[in-house]
Amino acid sequence: MTTIPCKVAKGMFSDEWSVEVIFSKRKRETFFVRKEKVYLDEELTDPAKTVSGEVEVVVVEEKGDRVLVDLLSPGITFGPRFSVPKSFLKEN
């Protein structure tokens, strides 16, 4: 299983989390992901807060120091495929 770091908040529905992947200081995207594909660093007890976590991805292609990955749920503003630095990847 491969994951990347994210910030996690309550989702719109009980079976999902709102996941924010921070690509850089200027670029971040939010996704709604099934709870079983997200791993929280601590329990999320306050619906107004976020916690650090990891979201499961599938590696599609490596391009130099970047990796093309698929998220298992589409993003709010674009599809489920995006590029991240290789350093984001964590093998569990």
PDB file of N, CA and C in Angstrom:
ATOM      1  N   MET A   1       0.839  -1.178   0.000  1.00  0.00           N
ATOM      2  CA  MET A   1       0.000   0.000   0.000  1.00  0.00           C
ATOM      3  C   MET A   1       0.884   1.242   0.000  1.00  0.00           C
ATOM      4  N   THR A   2       0.535   2.208  -0.823  1.00  0.00           N
ATOM      5  CA  THR A   2       1.271   3.465  -0.928  1.00  0.00           C
ATOM      6  C   THR A   2       0.366   4.599  -0.491  1.00  0.00           C
ATOM      7  N   THR A   3       0.920   5.520   0.306  1.00  0.00           N
ATOM      8  CA  THR A   3       0.144   6.670   0.777  1.00  0.00           C
ATOM      9  C   THR A   3       0.937   7.954   0.548  1.00  0.00           C
ATOM     10  N   ILE A   4       0.211   9.089   0.614  1.00  0.00           N
ATOM     11  CA  ILE A   4       0.838  10.405   0.612  1.00  0.00           C
ATOM     12  C   ILE A   4       0.256  11.205   1.781  1.00  0.00           C
ATOM     13  N   PRO A   5       0.991  12.196   2.293  1.00  0.00           N
ATOM     14  CA  PRO A   5       0.504  12.973   3.427  1.00  0.00           C
ATOM     15  C   PRO A   5      -0.652  13.884   3.037  1.00  0.00           C
ATOM     16  N   CYS A   6      -1.505  14.159   4.020  1.00  0.00           N
ATOM     17  CA  CYS A   6      -2.655  15.019   3.784  1.00  0.00           C
ATOM     18  C   CYS A   6      -3.151  15.605   5.100  1.00  0.00           C
ATOM     19  N   LYS A   7      -4.073  16.537   4.988  1.00  0.00           N
ATOM     20  CA  LYS A   7      -4.828  17.042   6.122  1.00  0.00           C
ATOM     21  C   LYS A   7      -6.234  16.473   5.988  1.00  0.00           C
ATOM     22  N   VAL A   8      -6.836  16.069   7.108  1.00  0.00           N
ATOM     23  CA  VAL A   8      -8.119  15.378   7.068  1.00  0.00           C
ATOM     24  C   VAL A   8      -9.150  16.126   7.914  1.00  0.00           C
ATOM     25  N   ALA A   9     -10.354  16.242   7.358  1.00  0.00           N
ATOM     26  CA  ALA A   9     -11.488  16.847   8.064  1.00  0.00           C
ATOM     27  C   ALA A   9     -12.717  15.962   7.826  1.00  0.00           C
ATOM     28  N   LYS A  10     -13.773  16.248   8.546  1.00  0.00           N
ATOM     29  CA  LYS A  10     -15.022  15.510   8.348  1.00  0.00           C
ATOM     30  C   LYS A  10     -15.509  15.693   6.922  1.00  0.00           C
ATOM     31  N   GLY A  11     -16.055  14.640   6.329  1.00  0.00           N
ATOM     32  CA  GLY A  11     -16.607  14.706   4.981  1.00  0.00           C
ATOM     33  C   GLY A  11     -18.065  15.127   5.002  1.00  0.00           C
ATOM     34  N   MET A  12     -18.659  15.141   3.836  1.00  0.00           N
ATOM     35  CA  MET A  12     -20.076  15.493   3.741  1.00  0.00           C
ATOM     36  C   MET A  12     -20.962  14.347   4.216  1.00  0.00           C
ATOM     37  N   PHE A  13     -20.480  13.115   4.074  1.00  0.00           N
ATOM     38  CA  PHE A  13     -21.248  11.937   4.444  1.00  0.00           C
ATOM     39  C   PHE A  13     -20.478  11.131   5.487  1.00  0.00           C
ATOM     40  N   SER A  14     -21.155  10.256   6.182  1.00  0.00           N
ATOM     41  CA  SER A  14     -20.550   9.525   7.297  1.00  0.00           C
ATOM     42  C   SER A  14     -19.494   8.515   6.860  1.00  0.00           C
ATOM     43  N   ASP A  15     -19.469   8.133   5.582  1.00  0.00           N
ATOM     44  CA  ASP A  15     -18.509   7.120   5.124  1.00  0.00           C
ATOM     45  C   ASP A  15     -17.301   7.719   4.408  1.00  0.00           C
ATOM     46  N   GLU A  16     -17.095   9.045   4.527  1.00  0.00           N
ATOM     47  CA  GLU A  16     -15.993   9.682   3.822  1.00  0.00           C
ATOM     48  C   GLU A  16     -15.298  10.732   4.689  1.00  0.00           C
ATOM     49  N   TRP A  17     -14.058  11.044   4.301  1.00  0.00           N
ATOM     50  CA  TRP A  17     -13.294  12.139   4.885  1.00  0.00           C
ATOM     51  C   TRP A  17     -13.064  13.184   3.801  1.00  0.00           C
ATOM     52  N   SER A  18     -12.940  14.422   4.191  1.00  0.00           N
ATOM     53  CA  SER A  18     -12.470  15.480   3.311  1.00  0.00           C
ATOM     54  C   SER A  18     -10.953  15.506   3.457  1.00  0.00           C
ATOM     55  N   VAL A  19     -10.238  15.304   2.353  1.00  0.00           N
ATOM     56  CA  VAL A  19      -8.786  15.180   2.366  1.00  0.00           C
ATOM     57  C   VAL A  19      -8.184  16.323   1.563  1.00  0.00           C
ATOM     58  N   GLU A  20      -7.243  17.033   2.165  1.00  0.00           N
ATOM     59  CA  GLU A  20      -6.548  18.112   1.472  1.00  0.00           C
ATOM     60  C   GLU A  20      -5.097  17.709   1.267  1.00  0.00           C
ATOM     61  N   VAL A  21      -4.675  17.676   0.002  1.00  0.00           N
ATOM     62  CA  VAL A  21      -3.284  17.390  -0.331  1.00  0.00           C
ATOM     63  C   VAL A  21      -2.626  18.736  -0.627  1.00  0.00           C
ATOM     64  N   ILE A  22      -1.545  19.023   0.084  1.00  0.00           N
ATOM     65  CA  ILE A  22      -0.842  20.294  -0.076  1.00  0.00           C
ATOM     66  C   ILE A  22       0.384  20.041  -0.950  1.00  0.00           C
ATOM     67  N   PHE A  23       0.329  20.542  -2.172  1.00  0.00           N
ATOM     68  CA  PHE A  23       1.400  20.346  -3.142  1.00  0.00           C
ATOM     69  C   PHE A  23       2.531  21.350  -2.934  1.00  0.00           C
ATOM     70  N   SER A  24       2.167  22.579  -2.588  1.00  0.00           N
ATOM     71  CA  SER A  24       3.139  23.650  -2.365  1.00  0.00           C
ATOM     72  C   SER A  24       2.440  24.744  -1.566  1.00  0.00           C
ATOM     73  N   LYS A  25       3.147  25.830  -1.280  1.00  0.00           N
ATOM     74  CA  LYS A  25       2.541  26.944  -0.541  1.00  0.00           C
ATOM     75  C   LYS A  25       1.348  27.531  -1.288  1.00  0.00           C
ATOM     76  N   ARG A  26       1.378  27.438  -2.609  1.00  0.00           N
ATOM     77  CA  ARG A  26       0.328  28.052  -3.427  1.00  0.00           C
ATOM     78  C   ARG A  26      -0.692  27.069  -3.985  1.00  0.00           C
ATOM     79  N   LYS A  27      -0.379  25.785  -3.932  1.00  0.00           N
ATOM     80  CA  LYS A  27      -1.283  24.818  -4.568  1.00  0.00           C
ATOM     81  C   LYS A  27      -1.686  23.727  -3.595  1.00  0.00           C
ATOM     82  N   ARG A  28      -2.990  23.561  -3.458  1.00  0.00           N
ATOM     83  CA  ARG A  28      -3.563  22.495  -2.648  1.00  0.00           C
ATOM     84  C   ARG A  28      -4.902  22.105  -3.263  1.00  0.00           C
ATOM     85  N   GLU A  29      -5.264  20.862  -3.098  1.00  0.00           N
ATOM     86  CA  GLU A  29      -6.531  20.367  -3.641  1.00  0.00           C
ATOM     87  C   GLU A  29      -7.248  19.550  -2.578  1.00  0.00           C
ATOM     88  N   THR A  30      -8.576  19.569  -2.656  1.00  0.00           N
ATOM     89  CA  THR A  30      -9.404  18.846  -1.697  1.00  0.00           C
ATOM     90  C   THR A  30     -10.175  17.740  -2.409  1.00  0.00           C
ATOM     91  N   PHE A  31     -10.269  16.603  -1.737  1.00  0.00           N
ATOM     92  CA  PHE A  31     -10.942  15.427  -2.273  1.00  0.00           C
ATOM     93  C   PHE A  31     -11.858  14.850  -1.193  1.00  0.00           C
ATOM     94  N   PHE A  32     -12.903  14.168  -1.607  1.00  0.00           N
ATOM     95  CA  PHE A  32     -13.697  13.371  -0.676  1.00  0.00           C
ATOM     96  C   PHE A  32     -13.315  11.916  -0.920  1.00  0.00           C
ATOM     97  N   VAL A  33     -12.868  11.238   0.124  1.00  0.00           N
ATOM     98  CA  VAL A  33     -12.325   9.894  -0.002  1.00  0.00           C
ATOM     99  C   VAL A  33     -13.003   8.965   1.006  1.00  0.00           C
ATOM    100  N   ARG A  34     -13.276   7.742   0.582  1.00  0.00           N
ATOM    101  CA  ARG A  34     -13.861   6.755   1.501  1.00  0.00           C
ATOM    102  C   ARG A  34     -12.964   6.601   2.726  1.00  0.00           C
ATOM    103  N   LYS A  35     -13.567   6.492   3.883  1.00  0.00           N
ATOM    104  CA  LYS A  35     -12.822   6.443   5.148  1.00  0.00           C
ATOM    105  C   LYS A  35     -11.791   5.322   5.190  1.00  0.00           C
ATOM    106  N   GLU A  36     -12.082   4.190   4.567  1.00  0.00           N
ATOM    107  CA  GLU A  36     -11.149   3.063   4.657  1.00  0.00           C
ATOM    108  C   GLU A  36      -9.866   3.293   3.858  1.00  0.00           C
ATOM    109  N   LYS A  37      -9.780   4.358   3.073  1.00  0.00           N
ATOM    110  CA  LYS A  37      -8.574   4.672   2.300  1.00  0.00           C
ATOM    111  C   LYS A  37      -7.768   5.817   2.919  1.00  0.00           C
ATOM    112  N   VAL A  38      -8.176   6.271   4.111  1.00  0.00           N
ATOM    113  CA  VAL A  38      -7.518   7.386   4.796  1.00  0.00           C
ATOM    114  C   VAL A  38      -7.085   6.927   6.180  1.00  0.00           C
ATOM    115  N   TYR A  39      -5.876   7.315   6.569  1.00  0.00           N
ATOM    116  CA  TYR A  39      -5.299   6.890   7.851  1.00  0.00           C
ATOM    117  C   TYR A  39      -4.950   8.132   8.659  1.00  0.00           C
ATOM    118  N   LEU A  40      -5.614   8.303   9.788  1.00  0.00           N
ATOM    119  CA  LEU A  40      -5.446   9.495  10.620  1.00  0.00           C
ATOM    120  C   LEU A  40      -4.299   9.306  11.606  1.00  0.00           C
ATOM    121  N   ASP A  41      -3.539  10.388  11.832  1.00  0.00           N
ATOM    122  CA  ASP A  41      -2.469  10.359  12.835  1.00  0.00           C
ATOM    123  C   ASP A  41      -3.030  10.437  14.252  1.00  0.00           C
ATOM    124  N   GLU A  42      -4.229  10.993  14.377  1.00  0.00           N
ATOM    125  CA  GLU A  42      -4.907  11.075  15.672  1.00  0.00           C
ATOM    126  C   GLU A  42      -6.408  11.103  15.415  1.00  0.00           C
ATOM    127  N   GLU A  43      -7.197  10.850  16.443  1.00  0.00           N
ATOM    128  CA  GLU A  43      -8.644  10.822  16.296  1.00  0.00           C
ATOM    129  C   GLU A  43      -9.170  12.219  15.980  1.00  0.00           C
ATOM    130  N   LEU A  44     -10.140  12.288  15.087  1.00  0.00           N
ATOM    131  CA  LEU A  44     -10.772  13.551  14.717  1.00  0.00           C
ATOM    132  C   LEU A  44     -12.068  13.676  15.502  1.00  0.00           C
ATOM    133  N   THR A  45     -12.017  14.428  16.595  1.00  0.00           N
ATOM    134  CA  THR A  45     -13.178  14.545  17.485  1.00  0.00           C
ATOM    135  C   THR A  45     -13.959  15.831  17.274  1.00  0.00           C
ATOM    136  N   ASP A  46     -13.320  16.878  16.794  1.00  0.00           N
ATOM    137  CA  ASP A  46     -13.971  18.172  16.580  1.00  0.00           C
ATOM    138  C   ASP A  46     -14.227  18.356  15.083  1.00  0.00           C
ATOM    139  N   PRO A  47     -15.495  18.438  14.661  1.00  0.00           N
ATOM    140  CA  PRO A  47     -15.799  18.552  13.229  1.00  0.00           C
ATOM    141  C   PRO A  47     -15.275  19.839  12.590  1.00  0.00           C
ATOM    142  N   ALA A  48     -14.895  20.821  13.388  1.00  0.00           N
ATOM    143  CA  ALA A  48     -14.376  22.081  12.850  1.00  0.00           C
ATOM    144  C   ALA A  48     -12.852  22.053  12.671  1.00  0.00           C
ATOM    145  N   LYS A  49     -12.204  20.969  13.083  1.00  0.00           N
ATOM    146  CA  LYS A  49     -10.744  20.884  13.045  1.00  0.00           C
ATOM    147  C   LYS A  49     -10.273  19.946  11.934  1.00  0.00           C
ATOM    148  N   THR A  50      -8.969  20.017  11.658  1.00  0.00           N
ATOM    149  CA  THR A  50      -8.335  19.055  10.762  1.00  0.00           C
ATOM    150  C   THR A  50      -7.208  18.372  11.521  1.00  0.00           C
ATOM    151  N   VAL A  51      -6.859  17.178  11.069  1.00  0.00           N
ATOM    152  CA  VAL A  51      -5.720  16.456  11.631  1.00  0.00           C
ATOM    153  C   VAL A  51      -4.842  15.982  10.478  1.00  0.00           C
ATOM    154  N   SER A  52      -3.607  15.688  10.797  1.00  0.00           N
ATOM    155  CA  SER A  52      -2.703  15.133   9.789  1.00  0.00           C
ATOM    156  C   SER A  52      -3.038  13.669   9.549  1.00  0.00           C
ATOM    157  N   GLY A  53      -2.751  13.224   8.351  1.00  0.00           N
ATOM    158  CA  GLY A  53      -2.995  11.826   8.023  1.00  0.00           C
ATOM    159  C   GLY A  53      -2.329  11.456   6.716  1.00  0.00           C
ATOM    160  N   GLU A  54      -2.744  10.319   6.182  1.00  0.00           N
ATOM    161  CA  GLU A  54      -2.244   9.815   4.907  1.00  0.00           C
ATOM    162  C   GLU A  54      -3.422   9.270   4.114  1.00  0.00           C
ATOM    163  N   VAL A  55      -3.358   9.435   2.800  1.00  0.00           N
ATOM    164  CA  VAL A  55      -4.400   8.904   1.923  1.00  0.00           C
ATOM    165  C   VAL A  55      -3.760   7.915   0.959  1.00  0.00           C
ATOM    166  N   GLU A  56      -4.448   6.834   0.723  1.00  0.00           N
ATOM    167  CA  GLU A  56      -3.942   5.777  -0.155  1.00  0.00           C
ATOM    168  C   GLU A  56      -4.007   6.217  -1.614  1.00  0.00           C
ATOM    169  N   VAL A  57      -2.931   5.923  -2.351  1.00  0.00           N
ATOM    170  CA  VAL A  57      -2.862   6.226  -3.781  1.00  0.00           C
ATOM    171  C   VAL A  57      -2.307   5.018  -4.524  1.00  0.00           C
ATOM    172  N   VAL A  58      -2.475   5.042  -5.831  1.00  0.00           N
ATOM    173  CA  VAL A  58      -1.902   4.028  -6.704  1.00  0.00           C
ATOM    174  C   VAL A  58      -0.895   4.733  -7.614  1.00  0.00           C
ATOM    175  N   VAL A  59       0.343   4.255  -7.637  1.00  0.00           N
ATOM    176  CA  VAL A  59       1.362   4.844  -8.495  1.00  0.00           C
ATOM    177  C   VAL A  59       1.105   4.400  -9.936  1.00  0.00           C
ATOM    178  N   VAL A  60       1.026   5.382 -10.841  1.00  0.00           N
ATOM    179  CA  VAL A  60       0.760   5.118 -12.249  1.00  0.00           C
ATOM    180  C   VAL A  60       2.055   5.149 -13.052  1.00  0.00           C
ATOM    181  N   GLU A  61       2.887   6.176 -12.782  1.00  0.00           N
ATOM    182  CA  GLU A  61       4.106   6.340 -13.573  1.00  0.00           C
ATOM    183  C   GLU A  61       5.100   7.211 -12.803  1.00  0.00           C
ATOM    184  N   GLU A  62       6.384   6.889 -12.938  1.00  0.00           N
ATOM    185  CA  GLU A  62       7.446   7.711 -12.353  1.00  0.00           C
ATOM    186  C   GLU A  62       8.057   8.561 -13.450  1.00  0.00           C
ATOM    187  N   LYS A  63       8.233   9.860 -13.158  1.00  0.00           N
ATOM    188  CA  LYS A  63       8.825  10.799 -14.124  1.00  0.00           C
ATOM    189  C   LYS A  63       9.885  11.607 -13.399  1.00  0.00           C
ATOM    190  N   GLY A  64      11.135  11.148 -13.431  1.00  0.00           N
ATOM    191  CA  GLY A  64      12.218  11.851 -12.739  1.00  0.00           C
ATOM    192  C   GLY A  64      11.996  11.839 -11.238  1.00  0.00           C
ATOM    193  N   ASP A  65      11.968  13.031 -10.647  1.00  0.00           N
ATOM    194  CA  ASP A  65      11.770  13.121  -9.200  1.00  0.00           C
ATOM    195  C   ASP A  65      10.302  13.267  -8.819  1.00  0.00           C
ATOM    196  N   ARG A  66       9.410  13.077  -9.797  1.00  0.00           N
ATOM    197  CA  ARG A  66       7.967  13.163  -9.543  1.00  0.00           C
ATOM    198  C   ARG A  66       7.299  11.834  -9.880  1.00  0.00           C
ATOM    199  N   VAL A  67       6.121  11.643  -9.317  1.00  0.00           N
ATOM    200  CA  VAL A  67       5.369  10.410  -9.519  1.00  0.00           C
ATOM    201  C   VAL A  67       3.928  10.776  -9.854  1.00  0.00           C
ATOM    202  N   LEU A  68       3.385  10.145 -10.877  1.00  0.00           N
ATOM    203  CA  LEU A  68       1.987  10.306 -11.243  1.00  0.00           C
ATOM    204  C   LEU A  68       1.200   9.276 -10.446  1.00  0.00           C
ATOM    205  N   VAL A  69       0.195   9.747  -9.689  1.00  0.00           N
ATOM    206  CA  VAL A  69      -0.583   8.841  -8.844  1.00  0.00           C
ATOM    207  C   VAL A  69      -2.074   9.005  -9.124  1.00  0.00           C
ATOM    208  N   ASP A  70      -2.823   7.966  -8.820  1.00  0.00           N
ATOM    209  CA  ASP A  70      -4.283   8.008  -8.861  1.00  0.00           C
ATOM    210  C   ASP A  70      -4.801   7.957  -7.441  1.00  0.00           C
ATOM    211  N   LEU A  71      -5.720   8.837  -7.145  1.00  0.00           N
ATOM    212  CA  LEU A  71      -6.464   8.786  -5.904  1.00  0.00           C
ATOM    213  C   LEU A  71      -7.667   7.905  -6.177  1.00  0.00           C
ATOM    214  N   LEU A  72      -8.181   7.260  -5.170  1.00  0.00           N
ATOM    215  CA  LEU A  72      -9.287   6.331  -5.395  1.00  0.00           C
ATOM    216  C   LEU A  72     -10.645   7.021  -5.431  1.00  0.00           C
ATOM    217  N   SER A  73     -10.643   8.367  -5.319  1.00  0.00           N
ATOM    218  CA  SER A  73     -11.863   9.172  -5.450  1.00  0.00           C
ATOM    219  C   SER A  73     -11.497  10.432  -6.220  1.00  0.00           C
ATOM    220  N   PRO A  74     -12.398  10.962  -7.040  1.00  0.00           N
ATOM    221  CA  PRO A  74     -12.071  12.163  -7.803  1.00  0.00           C
ATOM    222  C   PRO A  74     -11.999  13.404  -6.916  1.00  0.00           C
ATOM    223  N   GLY A  75     -11.236  14.387  -7.362  1.00  0.00           N
ATOM    224  CA  GLY A  75     -11.130  15.647  -6.644  1.00  0.00           C
ATOM    225  C   GLY A  75     -12.314  16.548  -6.921  1.00  0.00           C
ATOM    226  N   ILE A  76     -12.428  17.590  -6.128  1.00  0.00           N
ATOM    227  CA  ILE A  76     -13.513  18.556  -6.314  1.00  0.00           C
ATOM    228  C   ILE A  76     -13.291  19.362  -7.583  1.00  0.00           C
ATOM    229  N   THR A  77     -12.041  19.758  -7.844  1.00  0.00           N
ATOM    230  CA  THR A  77     -11.769  20.642  -8.967  1.00  0.00           C
ATOM    231  C   THR A  77     -11.106  19.951 -10.148  1.00  0.00           C
ATOM    232  N   PHE A  78     -10.667  18.719  -9.992  1.00  0.00           N
ATOM    233  CA  PHE A  78     -10.085  17.976 -11.107  1.00  0.00           C
ATOM    234  C   PHE A  78     -10.162  16.494 -10.813  1.00  0.00           C
ATOM    235  N   GLY A  79      -9.759  15.660 -11.774  1.00  0.00           N
ATOM    236  CA  GLY A  79      -9.868  14.217 -11.636  1.00  0.00           C
ATOM    237  C   GLY A  79      -8.937  13.617 -10.605  1.00  0.00           C
ATOM    238  N   PRO A  80      -8.946  12.310 -10.520  1.00  0.00           N
ATOM    239  CA  PRO A  80      -8.198  11.621  -9.469  1.00  0.00           C
ATOM    240  C   PRO A  80      -6.713  11.448  -9.742  1.00  0.00           C
ATOM    241  N   ARG A  81      -6.212  11.853 -10.908  1.00  0.00           N
ATOM    242  CA  ARG A  81      -4.805  11.640 -11.256  1.00  0.00           C
ATOM    243  C   ARG A  81      -4.040  12.953 -11.137  1.00  0.00           C
ATOM    244  N   PHE A  82      -2.898  12.898 -10.426  1.00  0.00           N
ATOM    245  CA  PHE A  82      -2.071  14.089 -10.269  1.00  0.00           C
ATOM    246  C   PHE A  82      -0.635  13.682  -9.979  1.00  0.00           C
ATOM    247  N   SER A  83       0.253  14.649 -10.038  1.00  0.00           N
ATOM    248  CA  SER A  83       1.679  14.421  -9.855  1.00  0.00           C
ATOM    249  C   SER A  83       2.128  14.956  -8.504  1.00  0.00           C
ATOM    250  N   VAL A  84       2.970  14.181  -7.814  1.00  0.00           N
ATOM    251  CA  VAL A  84       3.546  14.596  -6.535  1.00  0.00           C
ATOM    252  C   VAL A  84       5.042  14.289  -6.539  1.00  0.00           C
ATOM    253  N   PRO A  85       5.815  14.969  -5.692  1.00  0.00           N
ATOM    254  CA  PRO A  85       7.227  14.607  -5.573  1.00  0.00           C
ATOM    255  C   PRO A  85       7.369  13.183  -5.035  1.00  0.00           C
ATOM    256  N   LYS A  86       8.394  12.456  -5.488  1.00  0.00           N
ATOM    257  CA  LYS A  86       8.623  11.097  -4.981  1.00  0.00           C
ATOM    258  C   LYS A  86       8.740  11.090  -3.462  1.00  0.00           C
ATOM    259  N   SER A  87       9.259  12.183  -2.893  1.00  0.00           N
ATOM    260  CA  SER A  87       9.441  12.260  -1.442  1.00  0.00           C
ATOM    261  C   SER A  87       8.116  12.198  -0.679  1.00  0.00           C
ATOM    262  N   PHE A  88       6.986  12.451  -1.348  1.00  0.00           N
ATOM    263  CA  PHE A  88       5.667  12.360  -0.706  1.00  0.00           C
ATOM    264  C   PHE A  88       5.284  10.910  -0.416  1.00  0.00           C
ATOM    265  N   LEU A  89       5.787   9.973  -1.222  1.00  0.00           N
ATOM    266  CA  LEU A  89       5.335   8.584  -1.127  1.00  0.00           C
ATOM    267  C   LEU A  89       5.814   7.907   0.142  1.00  0.00           C
ATOM    268  N   LYS A  90       4.912   7.128   0.726  1.00  0.00           N
ATOM    269  CA  LYS A  90       5.250   6.301   1.880  1.00  0.00           C
ATOM    270  C   LYS A  90       4.705   4.910   1.610  1.00  0.00           C
ATOM    271  N   GLU A  91       5.578   3.925   1.696  1.00  0.00           N
ATOM    272  CA  GLU A  91       5.167   2.522   1.514  1.00  0.00           C
ATOM    273  C   GLU A  91       4.849   1.938   2.882  1.00  0.00           C
ATOM    274  N   ASN A  92       3.655   1.416   3.021  1.00  0.00           N
ATOM    275  CA  ASN A  92       3.220   0.827   4.300  1.00  0.00           C
ATOM    276  C   ASN A  92       3.099  -0.682   4.187  1.00  0.00           C
TER     277      ASN A  92
END
